[in-house]
């Protein structure tokens, strides 16, 4: 399985605090059957460049190899919607032009459709991170669905599907999966305890959803749309 949203890089954001915790997270992921993780630190600091992220990813990969952990880390970022206008913040997932974009928690900005069209016209693809946790989407999920289509996809958080993010998020996530509106499931892991990198429980939770092949959301689609083309 491939985890496209994970805060495993140590000491960068609100994810792993130190290298020891990053290694512990990778051990959990490996045991769960995850072979590849895209590290997606929050881009809240414009000075966190793609070169800096690549350097930190390379260091983590060396540490995992030294510990005989068979998980590969790839560079990426989680980009706040408010920073999409800043071209230096458009850091794609695993060397691709797929941008993981976080909407404000309370709303879908009125300019979202226009900005996404602009982003697409410049050759990028938008992946909306955990929309099921957005309050506006919880109230009216079709507002999100109207944004989705060629070049705009949705990533659901694994913990949402098992109820750890609350009932509104669980119901919304399950609806999006059942409707075929979710392209990816990812962990959005932040640590090795309260928010660990686990995908299997979520896959088990949706096996009863008719016509859904769960592993497509954690393997086939990441390979098809992102491809892991970077050389890290």
C-alpha atoms as a PDB file:
ATOM      1  CA  UNK A   1       0.000   0.000   0.000  1.00  0.00           C
ATOM      2  CA  UNK A   2       1.006   3.602  -0.589  1.00  0.00           C
ATOM      3  CA  UNK A   3       0.291   6.367   1.929  1.00  0.00           C
ATOM      4  CA  UNK A   4       0.104   9.717   0.127  1.00  0.00           C
ATOM      5  CA  UNK A   5      -0.446  11.936   3.202  1.00  0.00           C
ATOM      6  CA  UNK A   6       1.783  11.522   6.239  1.00  0.00           C
ATOM      7  CA  UNK A   7       3.575  13.865   8.653  1.00  0.00           C
ATOM      8  CA  UNK A   8       6.489  11.535   9.270  1.00  0.00           C
ATOM      9  CA  UNK A   9       9.363  13.997   8.798  1.00  0.00           C
ATOM     10  CA  UNK A  10      10.831  14.789  12.214  1.00  0.00           C
ATOM     11  CA  UNK A  11      10.868  18.274  13.684  1.00  0.00           C
ATOM     12  CA  UNK A  12       9.172  20.046  10.770  1.00  0.00           C
ATOM     13  CA  UNK A  13       5.552  20.600  11.788  1.00  0.00           C
ATOM     14  CA  UNK A  14       3.028  19.097  14.208  1.00  0.00           C
ATOM     15  CA  UNK A  15       3.967  15.568  13.118  1.00  0.00           C
ATOM     16  CA  UNK A  16       6.886  13.437  14.316  1.00  0.00           C
ATOM     17  CA  UNK A  17       8.896  15.290  16.934  1.00  0.00           C
ATOM     18  CA  UNK A  18      12.223  13.549  16.471  1.00  0.00           C
ATOM     19  CA  UNK A  19      13.893  10.891  14.336  1.00  0.00           C
ATOM     20  CA  UNK A  20      13.127   8.167  16.871  1.00  0.00           C
ATOM     21  CA  UNK A  21       9.410   8.805  16.480  1.00  0.00           C
ATOM     22  CA  UNK A  22       9.688   8.853  12.681  1.00  0.00           C
ATOM     23  CA  UNK A  23      11.362   5.429  12.800  1.00  0.00           C
ATOM     24  CA  UNK A  24       8.626   4.129  15.110  1.00  0.00           C
ATOM     25  CA  UNK A  25       5.971   5.393  12.683  1.00  0.00           C
ATOM     26  CA  UNK A  26       7.703   3.650   9.784  1.00  0.00           C
ATOM     27  CA  UNK A  27       7.793   0.372  11.730  1.00  0.00           C
ATOM     28  CA  UNK A  28       4.031   0.591  12.285  1.00  0.00           C
ATOM     29  CA  UNK A  29       3.470   1.365   8.609  1.00  0.00           C
ATOM     30  CA  UNK A  30       5.612  -1.546   7.458  1.00  0.00           C
ATOM     31  CA  UNK A  31       3.756  -3.960   9.731  1.00  0.00           C
ATOM     32  CA  UNK A  32       0.466  -2.687   8.290  1.00  0.00           C
ATOM     33  CA  UNK A  33       1.607  -3.431   4.738  1.00  0.00           C
ATOM     34  CA  UNK A  34       2.567   0.088   3.680  1.00  0.00           C
ATOM     35  CA  UNK A  35       5.612   0.072   1.393  1.00  0.00           C
ATOM     36  CA  UNK A  36       5.770   3.750   0.407  1.00  0.00           C
ATOM     37  CA  UNK A  37       4.988   6.949   2.280  1.00  0.00           C
ATOM     38  CA  UNK A  38       4.831  10.434   0.832  1.00  0.00           C
ATOM     39  CA  UNK A  39       6.006  12.835   3.535  1.00  0.00           C
ATOM     40  CA  UNK A  40       3.682  15.843   3.455  1.00  0.00           C
ATOM     41  CA  UNK A  41       4.736  18.492   5.982  1.00  0.00           C
ATOM     42  CA  UNK A  42       2.451  21.489   6.348  1.00  0.00           C
ATOM     43  CA  UNK A  43       3.737  24.358   4.247  1.00  0.00           C
ATOM     44  CA  UNK A  44       3.091  27.068   6.812  1.00  0.00           C
ATOM     45  CA  UNK A  45       6.579  28.495   6.377  1.00  0.00           C
ATOM     46  CA  UNK A  46       7.418  29.711   2.836  1.00  0.00           C
ATOM     47  CA  UNK A  47      11.067  29.012   3.624  1.00  0.00           C
ATOM     48  CA  UNK A  48      10.398  25.264   3.777  1.00  0.00           C
ATOM     49  CA  UNK A  49      11.552  24.643   0.224  1.00  0.00           C
ATOM     50  CA  UNK A  50      11.388  21.516  -1.892  1.00  0.00           C
ATOM     51  CA  UNK A  51      15.174  21.278  -1.554  1.00  0.00           C
ATOM     52  CA  UNK A  52      14.904  21.281   2.243  1.00  0.00           C
ATOM     53  CA  UNK A  53      12.150  18.653   2.185  1.00  0.00           C
ATOM     54  CA  UNK A  54      14.170  16.475  -0.204  1.00  0.00           C
ATOM     55  CA  UNK A  55      17.176  16.705   2.106  1.00  0.00           C
ATOM     56  CA  UNK A  56      15.130  15.690   5.140  1.00  0.00           C
ATOM     57  CA  UNK A  57      13.509  12.818   3.222  1.00  0.00           C
ATOM     58  CA  UNK A  58      16.912  11.501   2.135  1.00  0.00           C
ATOM     59  CA  UNK A  59      18.126  11.614   5.744  1.00  0.00           C
ATOM     60  CA  UNK A  60      15.060   9.700   6.946  1.00  0.00           C
ATOM     61  CA  UNK A  61      15.446   7.089   4.213  1.00  0.00           C
ATOM     62  CA  UNK A  62      19.037   6.499   5.301  1.00  0.00           C
ATOM     63  CA  UNK A  63      17.899   6.081   8.902  1.00  0.00           C
ATOM     64  CA  UNK A  64      15.204   3.589   7.926  1.00  0.00           C
ATOM     65  CA  UNK A  65      17.679   1.586   5.844  1.00  0.00           C
ATOM     66  CA  UNK A  66      20.068   1.509   8.790  1.00  0.00           C
ATOM     67  CA  UNK A  67      17.232   0.082  10.894  1.00  0.00           C
ATOM     68  CA  UNK A  68      16.277  -2.493   8.238  1.00  0.00           C
ATOM     69  CA  UNK A  69      12.827  -0.983   7.742  1.00  0.00           C
ATOM     70  CA  UNK A  70      11.494  -1.662   4.265  1.00  0.00           C
ATOM     71  CA  UNK A  71       9.481   1.527   3.796  1.00  0.00           C
ATOM     72  CA  UNK A  72      10.468   4.160   1.239  1.00  0.00           C
ATOM     73  CA  UNK A  73       9.816   7.826   1.943  1.00  0.00           C
ATOM     74  CA  UNK A  74       9.058  10.267  -0.873  1.00  0.00           C
ATOM     75  CA  UNK A  75       8.936  14.050  -0.766  1.00  0.00           C
ATOM     76  CA  UNK A  76       5.725  16.038  -0.829  1.00  0.00           C
ATOM     77  CA  UNK A  77       3.819  18.702   1.065  1.00  0.00           C
ATOM     78  CA  UNK A  78       0.408  19.653   2.405  1.00  0.00           C
ATOM     79  CA  UNK A  79      -0.395  23.094   1.045  1.00  0.00           C
ATOM     80  CA  UNK A  80      -2.901  25.439   2.703  1.00  0.00           C
ATOM     81  CA  UNK A  81      -5.477  26.737   0.237  1.00  0.00           C
ATOM     82  CA  UNK A  82      -4.457  30.275   1.189  1.00  0.00           C
ATOM     83  CA  UNK A  83      -0.925  29.664  -0.129  1.00  0.00           C
ATOM     84  CA  UNK A  84      -1.780  28.195  -3.534  1.00  0.00           C
ATOM     85  CA  UNK A  85      -1.171  31.582  -5.126  1.00  0.00           C
ATOM     86  CA  UNK A  86       2.466  31.341  -4.010  1.00  0.00           C
ATOM     87  CA  UNK A  87       4.167  29.358  -6.764  1.00  0.00           C
ATOM     88  CA  UNK A  88       7.091  28.423  -4.515  1.00  0.00           C
ATOM     89  CA  UNK A  89       4.634  26.550  -2.277  1.00  0.00           C
ATOM     90  CA  UNK A  90       3.360  24.333  -5.104  1.00  0.00           C
ATOM     91  CA  UNK A  91       5.356  21.275  -4.060  1.00  0.00           C
ATOM     92  CA  UNK A  92       3.983  18.163  -5.737  1.00  0.00           C
ATOM     93  CA  UNK A  93       3.711  14.658  -4.359  1.00  0.00           C
ATOM     94  CA  UNK A  94       6.699  12.418  -5.096  1.00  0.00           C
ATOM     95  CA  UNK A  95       8.082  14.598  -7.865  1.00  0.00           C
ATOM     96  CA  UNK A  96       4.718  14.906  -9.630  1.00  0.00           C
ATOM     97  CA  UNK A  97       2.504  17.922 -10.322  1.00  0.00           C
ATOM     98  CA  UNK A  98      -0.167  16.610  -7.964  1.00  0.00           C
ATOM     99  CA  UNK A  99      -0.737  19.124  -5.180  1.00  0.00           C
ATOM    100  CA  UNK A 100      -2.167  18.035  -1.820  1.00  0.00           C
ATOM    101  CA  UNK A 101      -4.317  21.000  -0.791  1.00  0.00           C
ATOM    102  CA  UNK A 102      -5.882  21.606   2.619  1.00  0.00           C
ATOM    103  CA  UNK A 103      -9.082  23.651   2.677  1.00  0.00           C
ATOM    104  CA  UNK A 104      -9.900  25.884   5.655  1.00  0.00           C
ATOM    105  CA  UNK A 105     -11.607  23.783   8.318  1.00  0.00           C
ATOM    106  CA  UNK A 106     -14.794  25.866   8.436  1.00  0.00           C
ATOM    107  CA  UNK A 107     -15.602  26.436   4.779  1.00  0.00           C
ATOM    108  CA  UNK A 108     -15.018  25.886   1.087  1.00  0.00           C
ATOM    109  CA  UNK A 109     -13.671  29.253  -0.085  1.00  0.00           C
ATOM    110  CA  UNK A 110     -15.864  30.964  -2.667  1.00  0.00           C
ATOM    111  CA  UNK A 111     -12.876  31.276  -5.009  1.00  0.00           C
ATOM    112  CA  UNK A 112     -12.016  27.555  -4.845  1.00  0.00           C
ATOM    113  CA  UNK A 113     -13.490  26.583  -8.229  1.00  0.00           C
ATOM    114  CA  UNK A 114     -11.806  29.523  -9.976  1.00  0.00           C
ATOM    115  CA  UNK A 115      -8.418  28.885  -8.373  1.00  0.00           C
ATOM    116  CA  UNK A 116      -8.572  25.156  -9.082  1.00  0.00           C
ATOM    117  CA  UNK A 117      -9.303  25.910 -12.749  1.00  0.00           C
ATOM    118  CA  UNK A 118      -6.263  28.190 -12.834  1.00  0.00           C
ATOM    119  CA  UNK A 119      -4.094  25.547 -11.185  1.00  0.00           C
ATOM    120  CA  UNK A 120      -5.263  22.937 -13.711  1.00  0.00           C
ATOM    121  CA  UNK A 121      -4.558  25.286 -16.635  1.00  0.00           C
ATOM    122  CA  UNK A 122      -0.952  25.463 -15.416  1.00  0.00           C
ATOM    123  CA  UNK A 123      -0.593  21.685 -15.557  1.00  0.00           C
ATOM    124  CA  UNK A 124      -1.229  20.799 -11.935  1.00  0.00           C
ATOM    125  CA  UNK A 125      -3.709  18.399 -10.371  1.00  0.00           C
ATOM    126  CA  UNK A 126      -5.383  19.219  -7.063  1.00  0.00           C
ATOM    127  CA  UNK A 127      -5.914  16.552  -4.398  1.00  0.00           C
ATOM    128  CA  UNK A 128      -8.170  17.911  -1.663  1.00  0.00           C
ATOM    129  CA  UNK A 129      -6.942  16.627   1.700  1.00  0.00           C
ATOM    130  CA  UNK A 130      -9.486  15.136   4.130  1.00  0.00           C
ATOM    131  CA  UNK A 131     -12.566  17.068   2.883  1.00  0.00           C
ATOM    132  CA  UNK A 132     -14.795  14.906   5.101  1.00  0.00           C
ATOM    133  CA  UNK A 133     -13.438  16.859   8.087  1.00  0.00           C
ATOM    134  CA  UNK A 134     -14.467  20.222   6.618  1.00  0.00           C
ATOM    135  CA  UNK A 135     -17.503  21.667   8.411  1.00  0.00           C
ATOM    136  CA  UNK A 136     -19.058  23.062   5.245  1.00  0.00           C
ATOM    137  CA  UNK A 137     -18.713  19.703   3.495  1.00  0.00           C
ATOM    138  CA  UNK A 138     -20.302  18.002   6.522  1.00  0.00           C
ATOM    139  CA  UNK A 139     -23.331  20.266   6.157  1.00  0.00           C
ATOM    140  CA  UNK A 140     -23.629  19.901   2.378  1.00  0.00           C
ATOM    141  CA  UNK A 141     -21.392  17.249   0.832  1.00  0.00           C
ATOM    142  CA  UNK A 142     -22.588  18.067  -2.682  1.00  0.00           C
ATOM    143  CA  UNK A 143     -20.697  21.361  -2.481  1.00  0.00           C
ATOM    144  CA  UNK A 144     -17.543  19.295  -2.519  1.00  0.00           C
ATOM    145  CA  UNK A 145     -18.763  16.893  -5.184  1.00  0.00           C
ATOM    146  CA  UNK A 146     -19.366  19.785  -7.602  1.00  0.00           C
ATOM    147  CA  UNK A 147     -15.676  20.720  -7.278  1.00  0.00           C
ATOM    148  CA  UNK A 148     -14.449  17.245  -8.164  1.00  0.00           C
ATOM    149  CA  UNK A 149     -13.727  16.028 -11.664  1.00  0.00           C
ATOM    150  CA  UNK A 150     -10.776  15.839 -14.048  1.00  0.00           C
ATOM    151  CA  UNK A 151      -7.835  17.430 -12.280  1.00  0.00           C
ATOM    152  CA  UNK A 152      -9.509  17.734  -8.857  1.00  0.00           C
ATOM    153  CA  UNK A 153      -9.645  14.672  -6.582  1.00  0.00           C
ATOM    154  CA  UNK A 154     -10.391  13.895  -2.943  1.00  0.00           C
ATOM    155  CA  UNK A 155      -8.281  12.120  -0.311  1.00  0.00           C
ATOM    156  CA  UNK A 156     -10.107  10.606   2.653  1.00  0.00           C
ATOM    157  CA  UNK A 157      -8.427  10.044   6.021  1.00  0.00           C
ATOM    158  CA  UNK A 158      -8.306   6.439   7.170  1.00  0.00           C
ATOM    159  CA  UNK A 159      -9.236   7.365  10.740  1.00  0.00           C
ATOM    160  CA  UNK A 160     -12.386   9.087   9.494  1.00  0.00           C
ATOM    161  CA  UNK A 161     -13.675   5.829   8.054  1.00  0.00           C
ATOM    162  CA  UNK A 162     -13.347   4.030  11.381  1.00  0.00           C
ATOM    163  CA  UNK A 163     -14.959   6.835  13.389  1.00  0.00           C
ATOM    164  CA  UNK A 164     -11.890   8.246  15.115  1.00  0.00           C
ATOM    165  CA  UNK A 165     -12.539  11.696  13.659  1.00  0.00           C
ATOM    166  CA  UNK A 166     -16.149  11.812  14.835  1.00  0.00           C
ATOM    167  CA  UNK A 167     -19.451  10.658  13.422  1.00  0.00           C
ATOM    168  CA  UNK A 168     -19.954  13.538  10.925  1.00  0.00           C
ATOM    169  CA  UNK A 169     -16.554  12.805   9.365  1.00  0.00           C
ATOM    170  CA  UNK A 170     -17.237   9.051   9.341  1.00  0.00           C
ATOM    171  CA  UNK A 171     -20.610   9.439   7.655  1.00  0.00           C
ATOM    172  CA  UNK A 172     -19.256  11.918   5.104  1.00  0.00           C
ATOM    173  CA  UNK A 173     -16.194   9.785   4.319  1.00  0.00           C
ATOM    174  CA  UNK A 174     -18.306   6.672   3.863  1.00  0.00           C
ATOM    175  CA  UNK A 175     -20.712   8.578   1.595  1.00  0.00           C
ATOM    176  CA  UNK A 176     -17.846   9.849  -0.587  1.00  0.00           C
ATOM    177  CA  UNK A 177     -16.374   6.351  -0.890  1.00  0.00           C
ATOM    178  CA  UNK A 178     -19.765   4.815  -1.713  1.00  0.00           C
ATOM    179  CA  UNK A 179     -20.442   7.527  -4.307  1.00  0.00           C
ATOM    180  CA  UNK A 180     -17.056   6.919  -5.930  1.00  0.00           C
ATOM    181  CA  UNK A 181     -16.015  10.493  -5.164  1.00  0.00           C
ATOM    182  CA  UNK A 182     -12.925   9.514  -3.147  1.00  0.00           C
ATOM    183  CA  UNK A 183      -9.782   8.744  -5.142  1.00  0.00           C
ATOM    184  CA  UNK A 184      -7.397   8.077  -2.243  1.00  0.00           C
ATOM    185  CA  UNK A 185      -7.373   6.910   1.359  1.00  0.00           C
ATOM    186  CA  UNK A 186      -4.353   8.069   3.369  1.00  0.00           C
ATOM    187  CA  UNK A 187      -3.370   8.030   7.020  1.00  0.00           C
ATOM    188  CA  UNK A 188      -2.584  11.714   7.699  1.00  0.00           C
ATOM    189  CA  UNK A 189      -0.452  10.185  10.456  1.00  0.00           C
ATOM    190  CA  UNK A 190       1.187  12.545  12.940  1.00  0.00           C
ATOM    191  CA  UNK A 191       2.784  10.199  15.466  1.00  0.00           C
ATOM    192  CA  UNK A 192       3.140   6.581  16.581  1.00  0.00           C
ATOM    193  CA  UNK A 193       0.427   6.643  19.250  1.00  0.00           C
ATOM    194  CA  UNK A 194      -2.730   8.722  18.824  1.00  0.00           C
ATOM    195  CA  UNK A 195      -2.476   9.166  15.041  1.00  0.00           C
ATOM    196  CA  UNK A 196      -0.391   6.265  13.703  1.00  0.00           C
ATOM    197  CA  UNK A 197       0.130   5.332  10.033  1.00  0.00           C
ATOM    198  CA  UNK A 198      -2.481   2.596   9.594  1.00  0.00           C
ATOM    199  CA  UNK A 199      -4.551   1.913   6.485  1.00  0.00           C
ATOM    200  CA  UNK A 200      -5.800  -1.644   7.045  1.00  0.00           C
ATOM    201  CA  UNK A 201      -8.543  -0.792   9.578  1.00  0.00           C
ATOM    202  CA  UNK A 202     -10.078   1.656   7.108  1.00  0.00           C
ATOM    203  CA  UNK A 203     -10.006  -0.891   4.306  1.00  0.00           C
ATOM    204  CA  UNK A 204     -11.791  -3.361   6.562  1.00  0.00           C
ATOM    205  CA  UNK A 205     -14.405  -0.710   7.347  1.00  0.00           C
ATOM    206  CA  UNK A 206     -15.379  -0.225   3.705  1.00  0.00           C
ATOM    207  CA  UNK A 207     -15.251  -3.803   2.451  1.00  0.00           C
ATOM    208  CA  UNK A 208     -19.024  -3.895   2.822  1.00  0.00           C
ATOM    209  CA  UNK A 209     -19.499  -0.932   0.485  1.00  0.00           C
ATOM    210  CA  UNK A 210     -20.967  -2.267  -2.747  1.00  0.00           C
ATOM    211  CA  UNK A 211     -18.785  -2.150  -5.881  1.00  0.00           C
ATOM    212  CA  UNK A 212     -15.797  -0.680  -4.010  1.00  0.00           C
ATOM    213  CA  UNK A 213     -12.424  -2.397  -4.375  1.00  0.00           C
ATOM    214  CA  UNK A 214     -10.757  -0.954  -1.308  1.00  0.00           C
ATOM    215  CA  UNK A 215      -7.129  -1.452  -2.332  1.00  0.00           C
ATOM    216  CA  UNK A 216      -7.684   0.657  -5.451  1.00  0.00           C
ATOM    217  CA  UNK A 217      -7.760   3.664  -3.111  1.00  0.00           C
ATOM    218  CA  UNK A 218      -4.422   2.845  -1.472  1.00  0.00           C
ATOM    219  CA  UNK A 219      -2.458   1.256  -4.303  1.00  0.00           C
ATOM    220  CA  UNK A 220      -3.813   1.428  -7.854  1.00  0.00           C
ATOM    221  CA  UNK A 221      -4.829   5.089  -7.760  1.00  0.00           C
ATOM    222  CA  UNK A 222      -1.611   6.348  -6.140  1.00  0.00           C
ATOM    223  CA  UNK A 223       0.368   4.511  -8.818  1.00  0.00           C
ATOM    224  CA  UNK A 224      -1.890   5.718 -11.627  1.00  0.00           C
ATOM    225  CA  UNK A 225      -2.179   9.376 -10.661  1.00  0.00           C
ATOM    226  CA  UNK A 226       1.060  10.038  -8.782  1.00  0.00           C
ATOM    227  CA  UNK A 227       3.363   7.289  -9.957  1.00  0.00           C
ATOM    228  CA  UNK A 228       6.151   7.806  -7.417  1.00  0.00           C
ATOM    229  CA  UNK A 229       8.362   9.249 -10.120  1.00  0.00           C
ATOM    230  CA  UNK A 230      10.854  10.902  -7.791  1.00  0.00           C
ATOM    231  CA  UNK A 231      14.270   9.385  -7.306  1.00  0.00           C
ATOM    232  CA  UNK A 232      14.396   9.543  -3.516  1.00  0.00           C
END
